[in-house]
Structure formats: structure tokens, C-alpha cells
């Protein structure tokens, strides 16, 4: 499967200055793995991740941005967000809060690097949505507070959150977890070879 992996992180602040290379390496590694990188089509750490993905020559991965804006014009003139590093931009028209939910719900996995309150919203949405979740420790901000949050706030699925300090290793762990999650998923939508719970979903 061509997994969709979201990189969630701060648009500005201290973690952008400290961890931009880590975010870049995450995006690059995701693209090199052949997965699709999803970000909030914004500046800061997600933008560095998009730059990393876009830098991979002859890549099989794709960079997709989920914009809070409702159009290209609004994306550029009102929100003042980048466009070059994306193969495709989904103009959600949902502002930042709605965009965050749409972004996370469209992802197979979510990786937190650095991060502020918006990233916390995305992390909480990912937990509640039972996504595969990775946290890049040592990147500052929210990412380094998540272990404390999970220790002190009852969180279903907390034991499944994947931690690492190395972007390449973390992406590898995420892909491995996704492979395990979708091990029984055998169809590509072109035939009737659908197995397990998917049959029940289609039949209602």
C-alpha cells in the first residue's frame, strides 16, 4: 500500500529554529520510502518536511498539503502559505481547526515533531482516530512533553505510540507498524477480493 504519513509540527517558534533539519529529514525519508507525505500546507516544521520530500529525485512518494484556505488565492494572499513544495494542495476551506481534523483523518499515520497547541490538537485527534502515531523525541515543544502527558492522562492506545530520536528510524518503525496493521488488506479497489472487516463495512 502507498501509505499517507502526516508530519505535524509548529509553524513558528523555538522548535522551528532548533528542529528544522529533523523535520526535513522526516519528509525526505517518507518520500524515499515511497509513502505520501501529508502536511498542513503551512510554514515552519511542516514546510521543512515538505521541502525534504520534494528534494528527493526520482521519488515515488508525493507531497500533499491540506490548506486551511478555500482557494489558491486565499491560501496565498490571506493565509500567506507556501505552494512550491507540494504536488497537490487540498483547499479545505475549514480554517486551521477544521483543517487539522481533515488532515489527520486522511492520514494512515501521524508523526509529531516539535509542536505547539495546534500540534496537540492533531495529536489528540490522531489518538482518538486510532491512527498509527510516531513522536520524534528531542525535537522540543509538544513532542518532548507527550511522554509526560501519556503518563498522567488516561489515554486509550497510549502504549502503541512509537517514540524515537532518529527521523530515519522513526519512519521505519511507522512503516513497519502500518505493514502490520494492513497485513490482511489484500485488494486495491479493482476487484472483489476484500477481506475481514472491510466486507462488513461495505455490506453495512
N, C-alpha and C. Protein backbone atom coordinates (compact mmCIF):
# COMPACT_ATOMS: atom_id res chain seq x y z
N UNK A 1 0.83 -1.20 0.00
CA UNK A 1 0.00 0.00 0.00
C UNK A 1 0.87 1.25 0.00
N UNK A 2 0.33 2.30 -0.58
CA UNK A 2 1.02 3.60 -0.58
C UNK A 2 0.50 4.38 0.61
N UNK A 3 1.19 4.31 1.71
CA UNK A 3 0.73 4.92 2.95
C UNK A 3 0.75 6.44 2.88
N UNK A 4 -0.17 7.06 3.63
CA UNK A 4 -0.21 8.51 3.76
C UNK A 4 0.22 8.86 5.18
N UNK A 5 1.40 9.48 5.29
CA UNK A 5 2.00 9.77 6.58
C UNK A 5 2.05 11.28 6.79
N UNK A 6 1.42 11.72 7.86
CA UNK A 6 1.36 13.14 8.18
C UNK A 6 2.51 13.54 9.09
N UNK A 7 3.13 14.67 8.79
CA UNK A 7 4.09 15.28 9.71
C UNK A 7 3.43 16.50 10.31
N UNK A 8 3.31 16.48 11.63
CA UNK A 8 2.66 17.55 12.40
C UNK A 8 3.71 18.27 13.23
N UNK A 9 3.72 19.60 13.16
CA UNK A 9 4.70 20.35 13.93
C UNK A 9 4.41 21.83 13.93
N UNK A 10 5.18 22.58 14.68
CA UNK A 10 4.96 24.01 14.85
C UNK A 10 5.20 24.79 13.56
N UNK A 11 4.36 25.80 13.34
CA UNK A 11 4.55 26.69 12.20
C UNK A 11 5.57 27.78 12.50
N UNK A 12 5.78 28.06 13.77
CA UNK A 12 6.76 29.07 14.16
C UNK A 12 7.19 28.80 15.60
N UNK A 13 8.18 29.57 16.06
CA UNK A 13 8.64 29.41 17.43
C UNK A 13 9.97 28.71 17.54
N UNK A 14 10.36 28.43 18.78
CA UNK A 14 11.68 27.89 19.07
C UNK A 14 11.95 26.54 18.42
N UNK A 15 10.95 25.67 18.34
CA UNK A 15 11.20 24.33 17.81
C UNK A 15 11.49 24.36 16.31
N UNK A 16 11.01 25.40 15.63
CA UNK A 16 11.31 25.52 14.20
C UNK A 16 12.79 25.80 14.00
N UNK A 17 13.31 26.70 14.80
CA UNK A 17 14.74 27.03 14.72
C UNK A 17 15.61 25.83 15.10
N UNK A 18 15.18 25.11 16.14
CA UNK A 18 16.01 24.03 16.68
C UNK A 18 15.90 22.73 15.90
N UNK A 19 14.74 22.48 15.28
CA UNK A 19 14.47 21.14 14.75
C UNK A 19 14.10 21.11 13.28
N UNK A 20 14.41 22.19 12.54
CA UNK A 20 14.03 22.21 11.13
C UNK A 20 14.72 21.10 10.33
N UNK A 21 15.97 20.76 10.69
CA UNK A 21 16.66 19.70 9.96
C UNK A 21 16.02 18.34 10.24
N UNK A 22 15.55 18.14 11.47
CA UNK A 22 14.87 16.90 11.81
C UNK A 22 13.59 16.75 11.00
N UNK A 23 12.83 17.84 10.86
CA UNK A 23 11.60 17.82 10.07
C UNK A 23 11.91 17.55 8.60
N UNK A 24 12.96 18.19 8.10
CA UNK A 24 13.39 17.97 6.71
C UNK A 24 13.71 16.50 6.48
N UNK A 25 14.44 15.91 7.42
CA UNK A 25 14.84 14.51 7.30
C UNK A 25 13.63 13.58 7.37
N UNK A 26 12.64 13.94 8.17
CA UNK A 26 11.41 13.14 8.21
C UNK A 26 10.74 13.13 6.84
N UNK A 27 10.55 14.31 6.27
CA UNK A 27 9.91 14.39 4.96
C UNK A 27 10.68 13.66 3.89
N UNK A 28 11.99 13.82 3.91
CA UNK A 28 12.83 13.15 2.92
C UNK A 28 12.73 11.63 3.05
N UNK A 29 12.76 11.13 4.27
CA UNK A 29 12.70 9.70 4.50
C UNK A 29 11.34 9.13 4.10
N UNK A 30 10.28 9.88 4.39
CA UNK A 30 8.93 9.44 4.00
C UNK A 30 8.84 9.31 2.48
N UNK A 31 9.36 10.31 1.76
CA UNK A 31 9.34 10.26 0.30
C UNK A 31 10.18 9.11 -0.23
N UNK A 32 11.35 8.90 0.38
CA UNK A 32 12.23 7.82 -0.06
C UNK A 32 11.60 6.45 0.18
N UNK A 33 10.71 6.37 1.17
CA UNK A 33 10.05 5.10 1.46
C UNK A 33 8.93 4.81 0.45
N UNK A 34 8.58 5.80 -0.36
CA UNK A 34 7.51 5.62 -1.33
C UNK A 34 6.15 6.02 -0.81
N UNK A 35 6.10 6.52 0.41
CA UNK A 35 4.82 6.94 1.00
C UNK A 35 4.47 8.36 0.56
N UNK A 36 3.24 8.75 0.81
CA UNK A 36 2.78 10.10 0.54
C UNK A 36 2.90 10.93 1.81
N UNK A 37 3.59 12.06 1.74
CA UNK A 37 3.70 12.97 2.87
C UNK A 37 2.50 13.90 2.89
N UNK A 38 1.82 13.97 4.03
CA UNK A 38 0.74 14.92 4.22
C UNK A 38 1.18 15.95 5.26
N UNK A 39 0.94 17.22 4.99
CA UNK A 39 1.20 18.28 5.96
C UNK A 39 0.06 19.28 5.89
N UNK A 40 0.10 20.27 6.78
CA UNK A 40 -0.91 21.31 6.80
C UNK A 40 -0.68 22.41 5.79
N UNK A 41 0.19 22.18 4.81
CA UNK A 41 0.48 23.16 3.75
C UNK A 41 0.86 24.51 4.34
N UNK A 42 1.62 24.45 5.43
CA UNK A 42 1.92 25.67 6.16
C UNK A 42 3.43 25.89 6.26
N UNK A 43 3.83 26.92 6.96
CA UNK A 43 5.24 27.23 7.16
C UNK A 43 5.78 26.45 8.35
N UNK A 44 7.01 26.72 8.73
CA UNK A 44 7.59 26.08 9.90
C UNK A 44 8.00 24.64 9.65
N UNK A 45 7.87 23.81 10.66
CA UNK A 45 8.34 22.42 10.57
C UNK A 45 7.63 21.61 9.49
N UNK A 46 6.30 21.74 9.31
CA UNK A 46 5.67 21.02 8.20
C UNK A 46 6.23 21.44 6.84
N UNK A 47 6.59 22.71 6.71
CA UNK A 47 7.16 23.19 5.45
C UNK A 47 8.52 22.57 5.21
N UNK A 48 9.34 22.47 6.26
CA UNK A 48 10.64 21.81 6.11
C UNK A 48 10.46 20.34 5.73
N UNK A 49 9.46 19.69 6.30
CA UNK A 49 9.19 18.30 5.93
C UNK A 49 8.82 18.21 4.45
N UNK A 50 7.98 19.15 3.99
CA UNK A 50 7.59 19.18 2.57
C UNK A 50 8.79 19.43 1.68
N UNK A 51 9.71 20.30 2.11
CA UNK A 51 10.93 20.55 1.35
C UNK A 51 11.78 19.28 1.26
N UNK A 52 11.86 18.55 2.37
CA UNK A 52 12.63 17.31 2.38
C UNK A 52 12.06 16.30 1.40
N UNK A 53 10.74 16.16 1.40
CA UNK A 53 10.10 15.22 0.47
C UNK A 53 10.30 15.66 -0.97
N UNK A 54 10.20 16.97 -1.21
CA UNK A 54 10.30 17.50 -2.56
C UNK A 54 11.72 17.42 -3.10
N UNK A 55 12.69 17.26 -2.22
CA UNK A 55 14.09 17.23 -2.64
C UNK A 55 14.53 15.89 -3.21
N UNK A 56 13.73 14.86 -2.99
CA UNK A 56 14.12 13.51 -3.40
C UNK A 56 13.93 13.35 -4.90
N UNK A 57 15.00 13.10 -5.61
CA UNK A 57 14.94 12.93 -7.05
C UNK A 57 14.38 11.56 -7.40
N UNK A 58 13.64 11.51 -8.51
CA UNK A 58 13.04 10.26 -8.97
C UNK A 58 12.26 9.57 -7.86
N UNK A 59 11.56 10.39 -7.05
CA UNK A 59 10.86 9.84 -5.88
C UNK A 59 9.56 9.16 -6.27
N UNK A 60 9.21 8.19 -5.48
CA UNK A 60 7.93 7.51 -5.65
C UNK A 60 6.90 8.13 -4.72
N UNK A 61 7.39 8.82 -3.68
CA UNK A 61 6.49 9.46 -2.74
C UNK A 61 5.96 10.78 -3.29
N UNK A 62 4.92 11.29 -2.66
CA UNK A 62 4.27 12.52 -3.09
C UNK A 62 4.10 13.43 -1.89
N UNK A 63 4.13 14.75 -2.12
CA UNK A 63 3.92 15.74 -1.06
C UNK A 63 2.56 16.40 -1.26
N UNK A 64 1.67 16.22 -0.29
CA UNK A 64 0.32 16.78 -0.37
C UNK A 64 0.09 17.71 0.82
N UNK A 65 -0.40 18.91 0.54
CA UNK A 65 -0.70 19.87 1.60
C UNK A 65 -2.20 20.03 1.80
N UNK A 66 -2.63 20.12 3.05
CA UNK A 66 -4.03 20.39 3.39
C UNK A 66 -4.12 21.83 3.89
N UNK A 67 -4.66 22.69 3.07
CA UNK A 67 -4.69 24.12 3.38
C UNK A 67 -5.93 24.50 4.18
N UNK A 68 -5.79 25.46 5.10
CA UNK A 68 -6.98 25.99 5.79
C UNK A 68 -7.83 26.86 4.87
N UNK A 69 -7.27 27.25 3.75
CA UNK A 69 -7.95 28.17 2.82
C UNK A 69 -8.94 27.43 1.93
N UNK A 70 -9.81 28.20 1.27
CA UNK A 70 -10.80 27.61 0.38
C UNK A 70 -10.39 27.71 -1.09
N UNK A 71 -9.26 28.39 -1.37
CA UNK A 71 -8.81 28.54 -2.75
C UNK A 71 -7.32 28.87 -2.76
N UNK A 72 -6.74 28.76 -3.94
CA UNK A 72 -5.33 29.12 -4.10
C UNK A 72 -5.12 30.59 -3.73
N UNK A 73 -6.01 31.46 -4.19
CA UNK A 73 -5.88 32.89 -3.91
C UNK A 73 -5.89 33.16 -2.40
N UNK A 74 -6.83 32.54 -1.68
CA UNK A 74 -6.92 32.74 -0.24
C UNK A 74 -5.70 32.15 0.46
N UNK A 75 -5.25 31.00 -0.02
CA UNK A 75 -4.07 30.34 0.54
C UNK A 75 -2.86 31.27 0.51
N UNK A 76 -2.70 31.97 -0.61
CA UNK A 76 -1.52 32.82 -0.81
C UNK A 76 -1.70 34.22 -0.22
N UNK A 77 -2.84 34.85 -0.47
CA UNK A 77 -3.00 36.26 -0.10
C UNK A 77 -3.50 36.48 1.33
N UNK A 78 -4.32 35.57 1.83
CA UNK A 78 -4.88 35.73 3.17
C UNK A 78 -4.02 34.99 4.21
N UNK A 79 -3.77 33.70 3.96
CA UNK A 79 -3.01 32.90 4.91
C UNK A 79 -1.50 33.03 4.70
N UNK A 80 -1.10 33.47 3.50
CA UNK A 80 0.32 33.65 3.17
C UNK A 80 1.12 32.37 3.40
N UNK A 81 0.66 31.31 2.77
CA UNK A 81 1.27 29.99 2.92
C UNK A 81 1.97 29.56 1.64
N UNK A 82 2.95 28.67 1.74
CA UNK A 82 3.74 28.25 0.58
C UNK A 82 2.98 27.34 -0.37
N UNK A 83 3.50 27.24 -1.60
CA UNK A 83 2.84 26.40 -2.62
C UNK A 83 3.82 25.51 -3.38
N UNK A 84 5.08 25.91 -3.47
CA UNK A 84 6.02 25.27 -4.39
C UNK A 84 6.31 23.82 -4.04
N UNK A 85 6.37 23.50 -2.75
CA UNK A 85 6.86 22.18 -2.32
C UNK A 85 5.79 21.09 -2.32
N UNK A 86 4.65 21.35 -2.94
CA UNK A 86 3.56 20.39 -2.91
C UNK A 86 3.20 19.91 -4.31
N UNK A 87 2.99 18.62 -4.44
CA UNK A 87 2.49 18.08 -5.70
C UNK A 87 1.01 18.38 -5.86
N UNK A 88 0.34 18.51 -4.71
CA UNK A 88 -1.09 18.77 -4.72
C UNK A 88 -1.46 19.48 -3.43
N UNK A 89 -2.38 20.44 -3.50
CA UNK A 89 -2.89 21.10 -2.30
C UNK A 89 -4.40 20.92 -2.24
N UNK A 90 -4.87 20.41 -1.11
CA UNK A 90 -6.30 20.26 -0.86
C UNK A 90 -6.77 21.51 -0.13
N UNK A 91 -7.55 22.35 -0.80
CA UNK A 91 -8.04 23.58 -0.19
C UNK A 91 -9.32 23.26 0.58
N UNK A 92 -9.15 23.03 1.88
CA UNK A 92 -10.26 22.51 2.70
C UNK A 92 -11.32 23.56 2.99
N UNK A 93 -10.94 24.83 3.08
CA UNK A 93 -11.88 25.87 3.44
C UNK A 93 -12.38 25.75 4.87
N UNK A 94 -11.63 25.04 5.72
CA UNK A 94 -12.08 24.74 7.08
C UNK A 94 -11.35 25.53 8.15
N UNK A 95 -10.57 26.55 7.76
CA UNK A 95 -9.71 27.27 8.69
C UNK A 95 -8.76 26.28 9.36
N UNK A 96 -8.03 26.72 10.37
CA UNK A 96 -6.99 25.86 10.92
C UNK A 96 -7.54 24.68 11.71
N UNK A 97 -8.56 24.92 12.52
CA UNK A 97 -9.07 23.84 13.37
C UNK A 97 -9.68 22.72 12.54
N UNK A 98 -10.53 23.09 11.58
CA UNK A 98 -11.13 22.07 10.71
C UNK A 98 -10.10 21.40 9.83
N UNK A 99 -9.16 22.20 9.33
CA UNK A 99 -8.07 21.63 8.51
C UNK A 99 -7.32 20.54 9.27
N UNK A 100 -7.03 20.81 10.55
CA UNK A 100 -6.29 19.83 11.35
C UNK A 100 -6.99 18.48 11.39
N UNK A 101 -8.30 18.51 11.62
CA UNK A 101 -9.07 17.27 11.71
C UNK A 101 -9.08 16.55 10.37
N UNK A 102 -9.33 17.29 9.30
CA UNK A 102 -9.37 16.69 7.96
C UNK A 102 -8.01 16.07 7.61
N UNK A 103 -6.93 16.77 7.95
CA UNK A 103 -5.58 16.30 7.68
C UNK A 103 -5.31 14.98 8.40
N UNK A 104 -5.59 14.95 9.69
CA UNK A 104 -5.31 13.76 10.48
C UNK A 104 -6.18 12.58 10.06
N UNK A 105 -7.47 12.86 9.84
CA UNK A 105 -8.39 11.78 9.47
C UNK A 105 -8.06 11.20 8.09
N UNK A 106 -7.37 11.97 7.26
CA UNK A 106 -6.97 11.49 5.93
C UNK A 106 -5.65 10.72 5.96
N UNK A 107 -5.01 10.66 7.11
CA UNK A 107 -3.68 10.05 7.23
C UNK A 107 -3.77 8.61 7.75
N UNK A 108 -2.80 7.80 7.34
CA UNK A 108 -2.65 6.47 7.92
C UNK A 108 -1.84 6.55 9.21
N UNK A 109 -0.93 7.49 9.27
CA UNK A 109 -0.08 7.67 10.44
C UNK A 109 0.22 9.15 10.62
N UNK A 110 0.50 9.55 11.87
CA UNK A 110 0.82 10.94 12.18
C UNK A 110 2.09 10.98 13.01
N UNK A 111 3.06 11.78 12.57
CA UNK A 111 4.32 11.95 13.30
C UNK A 111 4.40 13.36 13.85
N UNK A 112 4.64 13.49 15.15
CA UNK A 112 4.79 14.80 15.78
C UNK A 112 6.27 15.15 15.90
N UNK A 113 6.64 16.33 15.40
CA UNK A 113 7.99 16.86 15.55
C UNK A 113 7.84 18.27 16.12
N UNK A 114 8.54 18.54 17.23
CA UNK A 114 8.35 19.84 17.88
C UNK A 114 6.89 20.01 18.24
N UNK A 115 6.34 21.17 17.94
CA UNK A 115 4.90 21.34 18.08
C UNK A 115 4.46 22.28 19.18
N UNK A 116 3.28 22.89 18.90
CA UNK A 116 2.63 23.78 19.86
C UNK A 116 1.19 23.29 20.04
N UNK A 117 0.26 24.18 20.37
CA UNK A 117 -1.11 23.77 20.67
C UNK A 117 -1.81 23.16 19.45
N UNK A 118 -1.54 23.68 18.25
CA UNK A 118 -2.15 23.11 17.05
C UNK A 118 -1.72 21.67 16.85
N UNK A 119 -0.45 21.39 17.15
CA UNK A 119 0.05 20.03 17.04
C UNK A 119 -0.57 19.13 18.11
N UNK A 120 -0.85 19.70 19.28
CA UNK A 120 -1.54 18.94 20.33
C UNK A 120 -2.94 18.55 19.85
N UNK A 121 -3.61 19.47 19.18
CA UNK A 121 -4.93 19.17 18.62
C UNK A 121 -4.83 18.01 17.63
N UNK A 122 -3.82 18.05 16.77
CA UNK A 122 -3.64 16.98 15.79
C UNK A 122 -3.28 15.66 16.46
N UNK A 123 -2.44 15.72 17.50
CA UNK A 123 -2.07 14.52 18.23
C UNK A 123 -3.29 13.89 18.89
N UNK A 124 -4.10 14.72 19.55
CA UNK A 124 -5.30 14.21 20.21
C UNK A 124 -6.28 13.62 19.20
N UNK A 125 -6.41 14.27 18.06
CA UNK A 125 -7.29 13.74 17.01
C UNK A 125 -6.77 12.40 16.50
N UNK A 126 -5.46 12.28 16.36
CA UNK A 126 -4.86 11.02 15.89
C UNK A 126 -5.10 9.90 16.90
N UNK A 127 -4.94 10.21 18.19
CA UNK A 127 -5.19 9.21 19.24
C UNK A 127 -6.64 8.75 19.19
N UNK A 128 -7.56 9.71 19.15
CA UNK A 128 -8.98 9.38 19.14
C UNK A 128 -9.38 8.64 17.87
N UNK A 129 -8.64 8.87 16.78
CA UNK A 129 -8.94 8.22 15.49
C UNK A 129 -8.21 6.89 15.32
N UNK A 130 -7.47 6.50 16.35
CA UNK A 130 -6.74 5.22 16.35
C UNK A 130 -5.76 5.12 15.17
N UNK A 131 -5.07 6.22 14.91
CA UNK A 131 -4.04 6.22 13.88
C UNK A 131 -2.74 5.65 14.43
N UNK A 132 -1.87 5.19 13.55
CA UNK A 132 -0.50 4.88 13.96
C UNK A 132 0.18 6.21 14.24
N UNK A 133 0.82 6.32 15.40
CA UNK A 133 1.37 7.61 15.83
C UNK A 133 2.84 7.48 16.17
N UNK A 134 3.63 8.43 15.67
CA UNK A 134 5.05 8.50 16.00
C UNK A 134 5.38 9.84 16.62
N UNK A 135 6.37 9.86 17.50
CA UNK A 135 6.82 11.08 18.16
C UNK A 135 8.33 11.16 18.06
N UNK A 136 8.84 12.26 17.51
CA UNK A 136 10.28 12.43 17.38
C UNK A 136 10.81 13.12 18.63
N UNK A 137 11.29 12.32 19.57
CA UNK A 137 11.83 12.86 20.82
C UNK A 137 13.11 13.66 20.55
N UNK A 138 13.33 14.68 21.37
CA UNK A 138 14.50 15.53 21.19
C UNK A 138 14.25 16.68 20.25
N UNK A 139 13.03 16.79 19.70
CA UNK A 139 12.73 17.88 18.77
C UNK A 139 12.07 19.06 19.47
N UNK A 140 11.90 18.95 20.79
CA UNK A 140 11.38 20.07 21.57
C UNK A 140 9.87 20.18 21.55
N UNK A 141 9.38 21.22 22.24
CA UNK A 141 7.95 21.51 22.24
C UNK A 141 7.09 20.34 22.67
N UNK A 142 5.96 20.20 22.01
CA UNK A 142 5.00 19.15 22.34
C UNK A 142 5.61 17.76 22.32
N UNK A 143 6.43 17.49 21.32
CA UNK A 143 6.98 16.15 21.15
C UNK A 143 7.65 15.65 22.43
N UNK A 144 8.38 16.52 23.11
CA UNK A 144 9.10 16.10 24.31
C UNK A 144 8.21 16.08 25.55
N UNK A 145 7.00 16.65 25.45
CA UNK A 145 6.06 16.60 26.57
C UNK A 145 5.08 15.43 26.46
N UNK A 146 4.98 14.83 25.28
CA UNK A 146 4.00 13.76 25.08
C UNK A 146 4.19 12.59 26.05
N UNK A 147 5.42 12.12 26.32
CA UNK A 147 5.55 11.02 27.30
C UNK A 147 4.95 11.38 28.66
N UNK A 148 5.15 12.62 29.11
CA UNK A 148 4.59 13.06 30.38
C UNK A 148 3.07 13.11 30.32
N UNK A 149 2.52 13.61 29.22
CA UNK A 149 1.08 13.65 29.05
C UNK A 149 0.47 12.26 29.13
N UNK A 150 1.09 11.32 28.44
CA UNK A 150 0.55 9.96 28.41
C UNK A 150 0.69 9.25 29.75
N UNK A 151 1.67 9.65 30.53
CA UNK A 151 1.84 9.06 31.86
C UNK A 151 0.81 9.58 32.85
N UNK A 152 0.31 10.78 32.61
CA UNK A 152 -0.56 11.43 33.59
C UNK A 152 -2.01 11.58 33.17
N UNK A 153 -2.31 11.35 31.91
CA UNK A 153 -3.68 11.44 31.41
C UNK A 153 -4.07 10.10 30.82
N UNK A 154 -5.15 9.52 31.32
CA UNK A 154 -5.60 8.23 30.82
C UNK A 154 -5.92 8.33 29.33
N UNK A 155 -5.20 7.54 28.54
CA UNK A 155 -5.29 7.65 27.09
C UNK A 155 -5.34 6.27 26.45
N UNK A 156 -6.49 5.83 25.96
CA UNK A 156 -6.54 4.55 25.25
C UNK A 156 -5.61 4.57 24.05
N UNK A 157 -4.79 3.55 23.89
CA UNK A 157 -3.86 3.48 22.77
C UNK A 157 -2.51 4.09 23.05
N UNK A 158 -2.30 4.59 24.28
CA UNK A 158 -1.04 5.25 24.61
C UNK A 158 0.15 4.31 24.46
N UNK A 159 -0.04 3.04 24.79
CA UNK A 159 1.07 2.08 24.73
C UNK A 159 1.52 1.82 23.30
N UNK A 160 0.70 2.18 22.34
CA UNK A 160 1.05 1.92 20.94
C UNK A 160 1.77 3.08 20.27
N UNK A 161 1.88 4.22 20.96
CA UNK A 161 2.59 5.36 20.39
C UNK A 161 4.07 5.01 20.24
N UNK A 162 4.64 5.34 19.09
CA UNK A 162 6.01 4.96 18.75
C UNK A 162 6.94 6.16 18.97
N UNK A 163 8.01 5.94 19.72
CA UNK A 163 8.96 7.01 20.02
C UNK A 163 10.34 6.67 19.45
N UNK A 164 11.04 7.70 19.00
CA UNK A 164 12.45 7.56 18.61
C UNK A 164 13.06 8.94 18.53
N UNK A 165 14.39 9.00 18.59
CA UNK A 165 15.10 10.26 18.48
C UNK A 165 15.69 10.47 17.09
N UNK A 166 15.57 9.45 16.24
CA UNK A 166 16.17 9.48 14.91
C UNK A 166 15.07 9.46 13.84
N UNK A 167 15.02 10.45 12.95
CA UNK A 167 13.94 10.51 11.95
C UNK A 167 13.86 9.28 11.06
N UNK A 168 15.01 8.77 10.61
CA UNK A 168 15.01 7.62 9.71
C UNK A 168 14.49 6.37 10.42
N UNK A 169 14.96 6.16 11.65
CA UNK A 169 14.48 5.00 12.41
C UNK A 169 12.98 5.11 12.70
N UNK A 170 12.55 6.33 13.03
CA UNK A 170 11.14 6.52 13.37
C UNK A 170 10.24 6.22 12.18
N UNK A 171 10.59 6.72 11.02
CA UNK A 171 9.79 6.43 9.82
C UNK A 171 9.78 4.93 9.55
N UNK A 172 10.93 4.28 9.73
CA UNK A 172 10.99 2.84 9.54
C UNK A 172 10.04 2.10 10.47
N UNK A 173 9.99 2.53 11.73
CA UNK A 173 9.08 1.91 12.70
C UNK A 173 7.62 2.16 12.33
N UNK A 174 7.34 3.35 11.84
CA UNK A 174 5.98 3.69 11.43
C UNK A 174 5.53 2.81 10.26
N UNK A 175 6.39 2.67 9.27
CA UNK A 175 6.05 1.84 8.11
C UNK A 175 5.86 0.39 8.53
N UNK A 176 6.70 -0.10 9.42
CA UNK A 176 6.56 -1.47 9.93
C UNK A 176 5.22 -1.65 10.64
N UNK A 177 4.84 -0.66 11.45
CA UNK A 177 3.55 -0.73 12.16
C UNK A 177 2.38 -0.70 11.18
N UNK A 178 2.50 0.11 10.13
CA UNK A 178 1.45 0.16 9.12
C UNK A 178 1.36 -1.15 8.35
N UNK A 179 2.51 -1.74 8.04
CA UNK A 179 2.51 -3.05 7.37
C UNK A 179 1.76 -4.08 8.20
N UNK A 180 1.98 -4.05 9.51
CA UNK A 180 1.31 -4.99 10.40
C UNK A 180 -0.19 -4.70 10.47
N UNK A 181 -0.54 -3.41 10.53
CA UNK A 181 -1.94 -3.02 10.63
C UNK A 181 -2.74 -3.44 9.40
N UNK A 182 -2.11 -3.35 8.24
CA UNK A 182 -2.80 -3.65 6.99
C UNK A 182 -2.39 -5.00 6.39
N UNK A 183 -1.85 -5.87 7.21
CA UNK A 183 -1.35 -7.16 6.72
C UNK A 183 -2.44 -7.99 6.04
N UNK A 184 -3.69 -7.83 6.49
CA UNK A 184 -4.78 -8.64 5.92
C UNK A 184 -5.53 -7.91 4.82
N UNK A 185 -5.05 -6.75 4.43
CA UNK A 185 -5.73 -5.94 3.43
C UNK A 185 -5.16 -6.25 2.07
N UNK A 186 -5.93 -6.94 1.23
CA UNK A 186 -5.35 -7.53 0.03
C UNK A 186 -5.89 -6.96 -1.28
N UNK A 187 -6.77 -5.97 -1.24
CA UNK A 187 -7.33 -5.52 -2.51
C UNK A 187 -6.96 -4.07 -2.80
N UNK A 188 -7.08 -3.69 -4.07
CA UNK A 188 -6.73 -2.34 -4.48
C UNK A 188 -7.94 -1.58 -5.03
N UNK A 189 -9.12 -2.09 -4.76
CA UNK A 189 -10.33 -1.41 -5.20
C UNK A 189 -10.78 -1.77 -6.60
N UNK A 190 -10.06 -2.67 -7.28
CA UNK A 190 -10.41 -3.01 -8.65
C UNK A 190 -11.10 -4.36 -8.77
N UNK A 191 -11.23 -5.07 -7.65
CA UNK A 191 -11.89 -6.38 -7.70
C UNK A 191 -12.68 -6.60 -6.41
N UNK A 192 -13.14 -7.80 -6.22
CA UNK A 192 -13.96 -8.11 -5.05
C UNK A 192 -13.19 -8.86 -3.98
N UNK A 193 -11.87 -8.82 -4.04
CA UNK A 193 -11.05 -9.54 -3.06
C UNK A 193 -10.86 -8.71 -1.80
N UNK A 194 -11.95 -8.45 -1.13
CA UNK A 194 -11.92 -7.67 0.10
C UNK A 194 -12.10 -8.62 1.27
N UNK A 195 -11.26 -8.46 2.28
CA UNK A 195 -11.26 -9.43 3.37
C UNK A 195 -11.61 -8.78 4.69
N UNK A 196 -11.94 -9.63 5.65
CA UNK A 196 -12.09 -9.20 7.04
C UNK A 196 -13.20 -8.20 7.24
N UNK A 197 -12.94 -7.19 8.07
CA UNK A 197 -13.95 -6.23 8.46
C UNK A 197 -14.41 -5.36 7.30
N UNK A 198 -13.60 -5.26 6.24
CA UNK A 198 -13.95 -4.41 5.12
C UNK A 198 -15.24 -4.90 4.44
N UNK A 199 -15.44 -6.21 4.41
CA UNK A 199 -16.65 -6.75 3.82
C UNK A 199 -17.87 -6.28 4.60
N UNK A 200 -17.78 -6.32 5.91
CA UNK A 200 -18.89 -5.90 6.75
C UNK A 200 -19.18 -4.41 6.57
N UNK A 201 -18.12 -3.61 6.40
CA UNK A 201 -18.31 -2.17 6.21
C UNK A 201 -19.07 -1.89 4.91
N UNK A 202 -18.72 -2.62 3.85
CA UNK A 202 -19.35 -2.39 2.55
C UNK A 202 -20.80 -2.88 2.55
N UNK A 203 -21.01 -4.02 3.21
CA UNK A 203 -22.36 -4.59 3.24
C UNK A 203 -23.29 -3.84 4.19
N UNK A 204 -22.66 -3.06 5.12
CA UNK A 204 -23.44 -2.34 6.10
C UNK A 204 -23.93 -3.25 7.21
